[in-house]
Amino acid sequence: ILVQLPLPKHVNEEKVLAEISIEKDVDGFHPLNIGKLAMKGREPLFLPCTPKGCLELLSRSGIPIKNKRAVVVGRSNIVGLPVSLMLLKADATVTVVHSRTQDPEKIVREADIVIAAAGQAMMIKGDWLKPGAAVIDVGTNAVDDPSRKTGYRLVGDVDFDEAKKVAGWLTPVPGGVGPMTVAMLLKNTLEGALRKIKI
């Protein structure tokens, strides 16, 4: 079962998510799954799909997480919080940068791994990045572009043209994290089905 988040403001997200059976929570947002993710020595039945996709991208690209400095830009329940917990469980040293963080550029510049999930178009510039850093851009923002038929184009939270000159590894927007989110949702669904039939 999947609840498309965020929900409208008049709907109580916590109550809706708590009603889903933890065994069917393929999106990984049930309070028990998130709680187990936050606890040392416990494993949730499902991991949230976008954060799981971020770590899968790092793994498949041969980018080590253990003993690395990771900075997560954004603290949402959907990406920022769970990906920071997952990086922590993978033995990274994790810092979360958010809207109230002082001097975010300095903090991001120290990161070996940057997960950008702030929802601010092209917020992270090339000079914010440590040379060779792995940068995963989760942001999807529409910006005006009269040259396009739609009148807009999609960009990430990272200024791609600047970042590609500095980063050692950089995901595009669109076409980077989005397909991984879908793949991880399908993986979670398959794992849930196999668990149910005990294979």
C-alpha atoms as a PDB file:
ATOM      1  CA  ILE A   1       0.000   0.000   0.000  1.00  0.00           C
ATOM      2  CA  LEU A   2       1.322   3.419  -0.938  1.00  0.00           C
ATOM      3  CA  VAL A   3       0.141   6.811   0.292  1.00  0.00           C
ATOM      4  CA  GLN A   4       1.175   9.588  -2.070  1.00  0.00           C
ATOM      5  CA  LEU A   5       2.850  12.195   0.137  1.00  0.00           C
ATOM      6  CA  PRO A   6       2.598  15.009   0.933  1.00  0.00           C
ATOM      7  CA  LEU A   7      -1.114  14.908   1.712  1.00  0.00           C
ATOM      8  CA  PRO A   8      -3.380  17.978   1.602  1.00  0.00           C
ATOM      9  CA  LYS A   9      -3.105  20.093   4.765  1.00  0.00           C
ATOM     10  CA  HIS A  10      -6.580  19.128   6.020  1.00  0.00           C
ATOM     11  CA  VAL A  11      -5.668  15.396   6.082  1.00  0.00           C
ATOM     12  CA  ASN A  12      -3.805  14.066   9.129  1.00  0.00           C
ATOM     13  CA  GLU A  13      -0.760  12.373   7.603  1.00  0.00           C
ATOM     14  CA  GLU A  14       0.238  10.628  10.834  1.00  0.00           C
ATOM     15  CA  LYS A  15      -3.177   8.978  11.244  1.00  0.00           C
ATOM     16  CA  VAL A  16      -3.293   7.867   7.613  1.00  0.00           C
ATOM     17  CA  LEU A  17       0.194   6.313   7.718  1.00  0.00           C
ATOM     18  CA  ALA A  18      -0.500   4.574  11.035  1.00  0.00           C
ATOM     19  CA  GLU A  19      -3.500   2.788   9.469  1.00  0.00           C
ATOM     20  CA  ILE A  20      -1.351   0.970   6.926  1.00  0.00           C
ATOM     21  CA  SER A  21      -0.251  -2.511   7.919  1.00  0.00           C
ATOM     22  CA  ILE A  22       3.500  -2.436   8.552  1.00  0.00           C
ATOM     23  CA  GLU A  23       3.801  -5.585   6.408  1.00  0.00           C
ATOM     24  CA  LYS A  24       2.336  -3.675   3.445  1.00  0.00           C
ATOM     25  CA  ASP A  25       4.099  -0.330   3.984  1.00  0.00           C
ATOM     26  CA  VAL A  26       6.163  -0.526   0.775  1.00  0.00           C
ATOM     27  CA  ASP A  27       6.869   3.220   0.959  1.00  0.00           C
ATOM     28  CA  GLY A  28       8.554   2.762   4.357  1.00  0.00           C
ATOM     29  CA  PHE A  29       6.771   5.622   6.148  1.00  0.00           C
ATOM     30  CA  HIS A  30       4.813   3.698   8.807  1.00  0.00           C
ATOM     31  CA  PRO A  31       5.810   5.033  12.248  1.00  0.00           C
ATOM     32  CA  LEU A  32       7.177   1.599  13.233  1.00  0.00           C
ATOM     33  CA  ASN A  33       9.359   1.403  10.112  1.00  0.00           C
ATOM     34  CA  ILE A  34      10.726   4.920  10.667  1.00  0.00           C
ATOM     35  CA  GLY A  35      11.157   4.202  14.391  1.00  0.00           C
ATOM     36  CA  LYS A  36      13.148   1.042  13.697  1.00  0.00           C
ATOM     37  CA  LEU A  37      15.238   2.949  11.160  1.00  0.00           C
ATOM     38  CA  ALA A  38      16.118   5.448  13.900  1.00  0.00           C
ATOM     39  CA  MET A  39      17.140   2.784  16.418  1.00  0.00           C
ATOM     40  CA  LYS A  40      20.538   1.139  16.573  1.00  0.00           C
ATOM     41  CA  GLY A  41      20.396  -2.626  16.133  1.00  0.00           C
ATOM     42  CA  ARG A  42      16.891  -2.621  14.618  1.00  0.00           C
ATOM     43  CA  GLU A  43      15.904  -2.972  10.992  1.00  0.00           C
ATOM     44  CA  PRO A  44      12.633  -1.753   9.460  1.00  0.00           C
ATOM     45  CA  LEU A  45      10.640  -4.081   7.234  1.00  0.00           C
ATOM     46  CA  PHE A  46      10.844  -1.447   4.474  1.00  0.00           C
ATOM     47  CA  LEU A  47      13.137   1.512   3.855  1.00  0.00           C
ATOM     48  CA  PRO A  48      11.708   4.708   2.312  1.00  0.00           C
ATOM     49  CA  CYS A  49      12.127   4.478  -1.454  1.00  0.00           C
ATOM     50  CA  THR A  50      13.896   7.728  -2.375  1.00  0.00           C
ATOM     51  CA  PRO A  51      16.504   7.472   0.407  1.00  0.00           C
ATOM     52  CA  LYS A  52      16.979   3.780  -0.407  1.00  0.00           C
ATOM     53  CA  GLY A  53      17.520   4.765  -4.051  1.00  0.00           C
ATOM     54  CA  CYS A  54      20.135   7.345  -3.015  1.00  0.00           C
ATOM     55  CA  LEU A  55      22.147   4.741  -1.125  1.00  0.00           C
ATOM     56  CA  GLU A  56      21.731   2.254  -3.965  1.00  0.00           C
ATOM     57  CA  LEU A  57      23.167   4.842  -6.390  1.00  0.00           C
ATOM     58  CA  LEU A  58      26.180   5.325  -4.116  1.00  0.00           C
ATOM     59  CA  SER A  59      26.680   1.582  -3.711  1.00  0.00           C
ATOM     60  CA  ARG A  60      26.399   0.733  -7.401  1.00  0.00           C
ATOM     61  CA  SER A  61      28.727   3.602  -8.296  1.00  0.00           C
ATOM     62  CA  GLY A  62      31.385   2.230  -5.959  1.00  0.00           C
ATOM     63  CA  ILE A  63      31.247   5.257  -3.664  1.00  0.00           C
ATOM     64  CA  PRO A  64      32.090   4.244  -0.098  1.00  0.00           C
ATOM     65  CA  ILE A  65      29.924   5.608   2.716  1.00  0.00           C
ATOM     66  CA  LYS A  66      31.697   4.217   5.769  1.00  0.00           C
ATOM     67  CA  ASN A  67      33.988   6.770   7.449  1.00  0.00           C
ATOM     68  CA  LYS A  68      32.912   9.484   4.982  1.00  0.00           C
ATOM     69  CA  ARG A  69      31.485  12.882   5.839  1.00  0.00           C
ATOM     70  CA  ALA A  70      27.923  13.174   4.477  1.00  0.00           C
ATOM     71  CA  VAL A  71      25.799  16.308   4.432  1.00  0.00           C
ATOM     72  CA  VAL A  72      22.049  16.106   3.865  1.00  0.00           C
ATOM     73  CA  VAL A  73      20.517  19.395   2.753  1.00  0.00           C
ATOM     74  CA  GLY A  74      16.884  19.301   3.902  1.00  0.00           C
ATOM     75  CA  ARG A  75      15.109  17.632   6.804  1.00  0.00           C
ATOM     76  CA  SER A  76      11.789  16.449   5.403  1.00  0.00           C
ATOM     77  CA  ASN A  77      10.103  13.275   6.609  1.00  0.00           C
ATOM     78  CA  ILE A  78      10.130  11.965   3.038  1.00  0.00           C
ATOM     79  CA  VAL A  79      13.846  12.308   2.207  1.00  0.00           C
ATOM     80  CA  GLY A  80      16.042  14.365   4.543  1.00  0.00           C
ATOM     81  CA  LEU A  81      15.357  12.643   7.844  1.00  0.00           C
ATOM     82  CA  PRO A  82      15.310   9.027   6.591  1.00  0.00           C
ATOM     83  CA  VAL A  83      18.360   9.401   4.326  1.00  0.00           C
ATOM     84  CA  SER A  84      20.327  10.947   7.195  1.00  0.00           C
ATOM     85  CA  LEU A  85      19.421   7.958   9.390  1.00  0.00           C
ATOM     86  CA  MET A  86      20.371   5.504   6.640  1.00  0.00           C
ATOM     87  CA  LEU A  87      23.741   7.204   6.097  1.00  0.00           C
ATOM     88  CA  LEU A  88      24.339   7.117   9.844  1.00  0.00           C
ATOM     89  CA  LYS A  89      23.568   3.372   9.923  1.00  0.00           C
ATOM     90  CA  ALA A  90      26.066   2.952   7.070  1.00  0.00           C
ATOM     91  CA  ASP A  91      28.733   4.512   9.347  1.00  0.00           C
ATOM     92  CA  ALA A  92      28.990   7.938   7.720  1.00  0.00           C
ATOM     93  CA  THR A  93      29.448  11.043   9.831  1.00  0.00           C
ATOM     94  CA  VAL A  94      26.244  12.916   9.045  1.00  0.00           C
ATOM     95  CA  THR A  95      25.316  16.587   9.249  1.00  0.00           C
ATOM     96  CA  VAL A  96      21.866  17.905   8.330  1.00  0.00           C
ATOM     97  CA  VAL A  97      21.680  21.403   6.851  1.00  0.00           C
ATOM     98  CA  HIS A  98      18.258  23.079   6.948  1.00  0.00           C
ATOM     99  CA  SER A  99      16.604  26.475   6.606  1.00  0.00           C
ATOM    100  CA  ARG A 100      17.866  27.638  10.015  1.00  0.00           C
ATOM    101  CA  THR A 101      21.465  26.433   9.582  1.00  0.00           C
ATOM    102  CA  GLN A 102      24.076  29.175   9.779  1.00  0.00           C
ATOM    103  CA  ASP A 103      26.677  29.230   6.984  1.00  0.00           C
ATOM    104  CA  PRO A 104      25.383  26.186   5.065  1.00  0.00           C
ATOM    105  CA  GLU A 105      27.957  26.662   2.292  1.00  0.00           C
ATOM    106  CA  LYS A 106      30.825  26.022   4.718  1.00  0.00           C
ATOM    107  CA  ILE A 107      29.204  22.827   6.016  1.00  0.00           C
ATOM    108  CA  VAL A 108      28.379  21.481   2.554  1.00  0.00           C
ATOM    109  CA  ARG A 109      31.929  22.256   1.364  1.00  0.00           C
ATOM    110  CA  GLU A 110      33.302  19.732   3.904  1.00  0.00           C
ATOM    111  CA  ALA A 111      31.205  16.838   2.597  1.00  0.00           C
ATOM    112  CA  ASP A 112      32.435  13.804   0.710  1.00  0.00           C
ATOM    113  CA  ILE A 113      28.782  12.977  -0.007  1.00  0.00           C
ATOM    114  CA  VAL A 114      26.019  15.554  -0.490  1.00  0.00           C
ATOM    115  CA  ILE A 115      22.340  14.624  -0.623  1.00  0.00           C
ATOM    116  CA  ALA A 116      20.414  17.701  -1.774  1.00  0.00           C
ATOM    117  CA  ALA A 117      16.724  17.567  -0.819  1.00  0.00           C
ATOM    118  CA  ALA A 118      15.769  21.107   0.156  1.00  0.00           C
ATOM    119  CA  GLY A 119      13.244  21.930  -2.553  1.00  0.00           C
ATOM    120  CA  GLN A 120      15.112  25.111  -3.596  1.00  0.00           C
ATOM    121  CA  ALA A 121      15.974  25.424  -7.275  1.00  0.00           C
ATOM    122  CA  MET A 122      19.733  25.480  -7.925  1.00  0.00           C
ATOM    123  CA  MET A 123      20.463  26.449  -4.317  1.00  0.00           C
ATOM    124  CA  ILE A 124      23.774  24.575  -4.130  1.00  0.00           C
ATOM    125  CA  LYS A 125      26.413  26.226  -6.289  1.00  0.00           C
ATOM    126  CA  GLY A 126      29.683  24.759  -7.509  1.00  0.00           C
ATOM    127  CA  ASP A 127      31.729  26.692  -4.950  1.00  0.00           C
ATOM    128  CA  TRP A 128      29.731  25.021  -2.166  1.00  0.00           C
ATOM    129  CA  LEU A 129      31.215  21.636  -3.101  1.00  0.00           C
ATOM    130  CA  LYS A 130      34.387  19.858  -2.114  1.00  0.00           C
ATOM    131  CA  PRO A 131      36.296  18.815  -5.263  1.00  0.00           C
ATOM    132  CA  GLY A 132      35.486  15.206  -6.091  1.00  0.00           C
ATOM    133  CA  ALA A 133      32.393  15.016  -3.868  1.00  0.00           C
ATOM    134  CA  ALA A 134      29.558  12.639  -4.718  1.00  0.00           C
ATOM    135  CA  VAL A 135      26.420  14.736  -5.146  1.00  0.00           C
ATOM    136  CA  ILE A 136      22.934  13.259  -5.274  1.00  0.00           C
ATOM    137  CA  ASP A 137      20.323  15.813  -6.275  1.00  0.00           C
ATOM    138  CA  VAL A 138      16.857  14.787  -5.079  1.00  0.00           C
ATOM    139  CA  GLY A 139      15.262  18.164  -5.822  1.00  0.00           C
ATOM    140  CA  THR A 140      12.709  18.604  -8.578  1.00  0.00           C
ATOM    141  CA  ASN A 141      11.824  22.240  -9.175  1.00  0.00           C
ATOM    142  CA  ALA A 142      10.025  23.900 -12.066  1.00  0.00           C
ATOM    143  CA  VAL A 143      11.641  27.124 -13.299  1.00  0.00           C
ATOM    144  CA  ASP A 144      10.319  29.414 -15.999  1.00  0.00           C
ATOM    145  CA  ASP A 145      11.717  28.723 -19.449  1.00  0.00           C
ATOM    146  CA  PRO A 146       9.893  30.448 -22.325  1.00  0.00           C
ATOM    147  CA  SER A 147      11.962  28.449 -24.849  1.00  0.00           C
ATOM    148  CA  ARG A 148      10.176  25.259 -23.783  1.00  0.00           C
ATOM    149  CA  LYS A 149       6.764  24.229 -25.045  1.00  0.00           C
ATOM    150  CA  THR A 150       5.574  23.831 -21.444  1.00  0.00           C
ATOM    151  CA  GLY A 151       6.939  27.246 -20.449  1.00  0.00           C
ATOM    152  CA  TYR A 152       9.142  25.702 -17.776  1.00  0.00           C
ATOM    153  CA  ARG A 153      11.937  23.200 -17.238  1.00  0.00           C
ATOM    154  CA  LEU A 154      12.827  20.975 -14.318  1.00  0.00           C
ATOM    155  CA  VAL A 155      15.989  21.623 -12.325  1.00  0.00           C
ATOM    156  CA  GLY A 156      17.386  20.216  -9.129  1.00  0.00           C
ATOM    157  CA  ASP A 157      18.494  21.758  -5.851  1.00  0.00           C
ATOM    158  CA  VAL A 158      22.050  21.762  -7.241  1.00  0.00           C
ATOM    159  CA  ASP A 159      23.213  24.110  -9.988  1.00  0.00           C
ATOM    160  CA  PHE A 160      24.172  21.302 -12.360  1.00  0.00           C
ATOM    161  CA  ASP A 161      26.311  23.359 -14.755  1.00  0.00           C
ATOM    162  CA  GLU A 162      28.448  24.712 -11.906  1.00  0.00           C
ATOM    163  CA  ALA A 163      28.529  21.484  -9.886  1.00  0.00           C
ATOM    164  CA  LYS A 164      29.655  19.273 -12.766  1.00  0.00           C
ATOM    165  CA  LYS A 165      32.939  21.197 -12.866  1.00  0.00           C
ATOM    166  CA  VAL A 166      33.696  20.333  -9.214  1.00  0.00           C
ATOM    167  CA  ALA A 167      31.877  17.140  -8.242  1.00  0.00           C
ATOM    168  CA  GLY A 168      33.370  13.720  -8.851  1.00  0.00           C
ATOM    169  CA  TRP A 169      29.902  12.258  -9.286  1.00  0.00           C
ATOM    170  CA  LEU A 170      26.596  14.079  -9.871  1.00  0.00           C
ATOM    171  CA  THR A 171      23.042  12.947 -10.573  1.00  0.00           C
ATOM    172  CA  PRO A 172      21.005  14.812 -13.193  1.00  0.00           C
ATOM    173  CA  VAL A 173      17.509  16.252 -12.792  1.00  0.00           C
ATOM    174  CA  PRO A 174      15.363  14.875 -14.268  1.00  0.00           C
ATOM    175  CA  GLY A 175      16.474  11.295 -14.774  1.00  0.00           C
ATOM    176  CA  GLY A 176      18.651  10.689 -11.725  1.00  0.00           C
ATOM    177  CA  VAL A 177      16.957   9.878  -8.440  1.00  0.00           C
ATOM    178  CA  GLY A 178      13.392   9.669  -9.805  1.00  0.00           C
ATOM    179  CA  PRO A 179      13.836   6.368 -11.671  1.00  0.00           C
ATOM    180  CA  MET A 180      15.652   4.964  -8.631  1.00  0.00           C
ATOM    181  CA  THR A 181      12.692   5.824  -6.407  1.00  0.00           C
ATOM    182  CA  VAL A 182      10.393   3.831  -8.692  1.00  0.00           C
ATOM    183  CA  ALA A 183      12.861   0.923  -8.820  1.00  0.00           C
ATOM    184  CA  MET A 184      13.112   0.830  -5.011  1.00  0.00           C
ATOM    185  CA  LEU A 185       9.318   0.890  -4.685  1.00  0.00           C
ATOM    186  CA  LEU A 186       9.153  -2.161  -6.938  1.00  0.00           C
ATOM    187  CA  LYS A 187      11.978  -3.809  -4.970  1.00  0.00           C
ATOM    188  CA  ASN A 188      10.171  -3.166  -1.681  1.00  0.00           C
ATOM    189  CA  THR A 189       6.960  -4.574  -3.162  1.00  0.00           C
ATOM    190  CA  LEU A 190       8.731  -7.730  -4.300  1.00  0.00           C
ATOM    191  CA  GLU A 191      10.488  -8.142  -0.929  1.00  0.00           C
ATOM    192  CA  GLY A 192       7.142  -7.717   0.866  1.00  0.00           C
ATOM    193  CA  ALA A 193       5.480 -10.339  -1.324  1.00  0.00           C
ATOM    194  CA  LEU A 194       8.344 -12.795  -0.827  1.00  0.00           C
ATOM    195  CA  ARG A 195       8.221 -12.211   2.936  1.00  0.00           C
ATOM    196  CA  LYS A 196       4.460 -12.860   2.918  1.00  0.00           C
ATOM    197  CA  ILE A 197       4.778 -16.178   1.080  1.00  0.00           C
ATOM    198  CA  LYS A 198       7.942 -16.946   3.094  1.00  0.00           C
ATOM    199  CA  ILE A 199      10.387 -17.476   0.257  1.00  0.00           C
END
